Protein backbone atom coordinates (compact mmCIF):
# COMPACT_ATOMS: atom_id res chain seq x y z
CA PRO A 1 -25.05 -9.03 21.56
CA GLU A 2 -21.79 -9.84 22.87
CA ALA A 3 -20.43 -11.47 19.92
CA ALA A 4 -21.89 -8.33 17.80
CA ARG A 5 -19.75 -6.32 20.39
CA VAL A 6 -16.59 -8.14 20.15
CA ILE A 7 -16.71 -8.14 16.03
CA GLU A 8 -17.55 -4.15 16.22
CA GLU A 9 -14.61 -3.71 18.42
CA PHE A 10 -12.27 -5.81 16.24
CA ILE A 11 -13.37 -3.77 13.26
CA HIS A 12 -12.44 -0.65 14.86
CA TYR A 13 -9.19 -1.80 15.93
CA LEU A 14 -8.07 -3.12 12.79
CA ARG A 15 -9.40 -0.12 11.25
CA ALA A 16 -7.60 2.09 13.58
CA LEU A 17 -4.22 0.00 12.92
CA PHE A 18 -4.44 0.11 8.98
CA TYR A 19 -5.16 4.04 9.66
CA LYS A 20 -2.14 4.57 11.64
CA ASN A 21 0.16 2.67 9.52
CA LEU A 22 -0.89 4.39 6.45
CA ARG A 23 -0.53 7.93 7.90
CA TRP A 24 3.11 6.63 9.02
CA GLN A 25 3.80 5.85 5.54
CA GLN A 26 2.72 8.82 4.23
CA LYS A 27 4.86 10.58 6.93
CA GLU A 28 7.76 8.61 5.63
CA LYS A 29 7.18 9.17 2.16
CA MET A 30 6.79 5.61 1.13
CA ILE A 31 3.32 6.48 -0.04
CA ASP A 32 1.71 9.02 -1.92
CA PRO A 33 0.28 11.86 0.64
CA ASP A 34 -2.72 12.25 -1.57
CA VAL A 35 -3.96 8.67 -0.85
CA ASN A 36 -7.15 8.81 1.52
CA ALA A 37 -5.69 6.72 4.61
CA GLU A 38 -9.72 6.81 5.91
CA MET A 39 -10.75 5.52 2.60
CA VAL A 40 -8.27 2.84 2.30
CA SER A 41 -8.67 1.59 5.89
CA ASP A 42 -12.31 0.79 5.30
CA PHE A 43 -11.53 -0.87 2.28
CA LEU A 44 -8.73 -3.23 3.84
CA VAL A 45 -11.05 -4.12 6.86
CA GLY A 46 -13.80 -4.68 4.23
CA ASN A 47 -11.18 -7.32 2.75
CA VAL A 48 -10.05 -8.78 5.82
CA VAL A 49 -13.95 -9.59 6.83
CA GLY A 50 -14.45 -10.80 3.60
CA LEU A 51 -11.25 -13.06 3.25
CA MET A 52 -12.42 -14.22 6.87
CA THR A 53 -15.90 -15.31 5.41
CA LEU A 54 -14.23 -16.98 2.45
CA LEU A 55 -11.92 -19.00 4.62
CA ARG A 56 -14.99 -20.40 6.46
CA SER A 57 -16.91 -21.13 3.56
CA SER A 58 -16.32 -24.31 1.02
CA SER A 59 -14.67 -21.63 -1.58
CA ASP A 60 -12.41 -22.62 -4.24
CA PRO A 61 -9.06 -21.88 -2.38
CA ARG A 62 -8.11 -19.94 -5.77
CA MET A 63 -11.01 -17.48 -5.16
CA VAL A 64 -9.09 -16.63 -1.82
CA GLN A 65 -5.73 -16.60 -3.46
CA HIS A 66 -6.91 -14.26 -6.29
CA GLN A 67 -8.20 -12.16 -3.45
CA VAL A 68 -5.28 -11.73 -1.83
CA GLN A 69 -3.48 -11.07 -4.96
CA ALA A 70 -5.70 -8.37 -5.55
CA ILE A 71 -5.34 -6.65 -2.43
CA ILE A 72 -1.59 -6.86 -2.69
CA LEU A 73 -1.58 -5.26 -6.32
CA TYR A 74 -3.82 -2.41 -4.66
CA ILE A 75 -1.71 -1.96 -1.81
CA SER A 76 1.26 -1.97 -3.99
CA SER A 77 -0.38 0.69 -6.44
CA LEU A 78 -0.48 3.08 -3.23
CA ARG A 79 3.53 3.07 -3.06
CA ARG A 80 5.51 5.70 -4.48
CA VAL A 81 7.61 5.27 -7.61
CA HIS A 82 10.89 5.45 -6.02
CA GLN A 83 10.10 2.97 -2.95
CA PRO A 84 11.16 -0.57 -3.63
CA ASN A 85 8.23 -2.95 -4.10
CA ASN A 86 8.84 -6.05 -1.72
CA LEU A 87 5.25 -6.89 -1.94
CA HIS A 88 6.25 -9.98 -4.10
CA LEU A 89 7.84 -11.65 -1.13
CA ILE A 90 4.37 -11.85 0.42
CA SER A 91 2.46 -12.87 -2.66
CA GLU A 92 4.81 -15.82 -3.54
CA LYS A 93 4.04 -17.25 -0.34
CA VAL A 94 0.04 -16.99 -0.97
């Protein structure tokens, strides 16, 4: 029960961080205002939890790398056309 509570709190905390960041990016016109910040937040939380699971398993490291690259590709698709894409700096290190 205690572990479940800690995990649930972490998920809610992470979701709130993603949501606040996405809304800020919309306010700053960095991503499209039509992006559903709630949906994307849930998607990103699911991916973080999935990555944590993959990292603890004996999965092929390429699977983790491909997952991270796909997440980065998705996130970069949210940006507005006129915004520079600096996500390549992250993906080069993965």
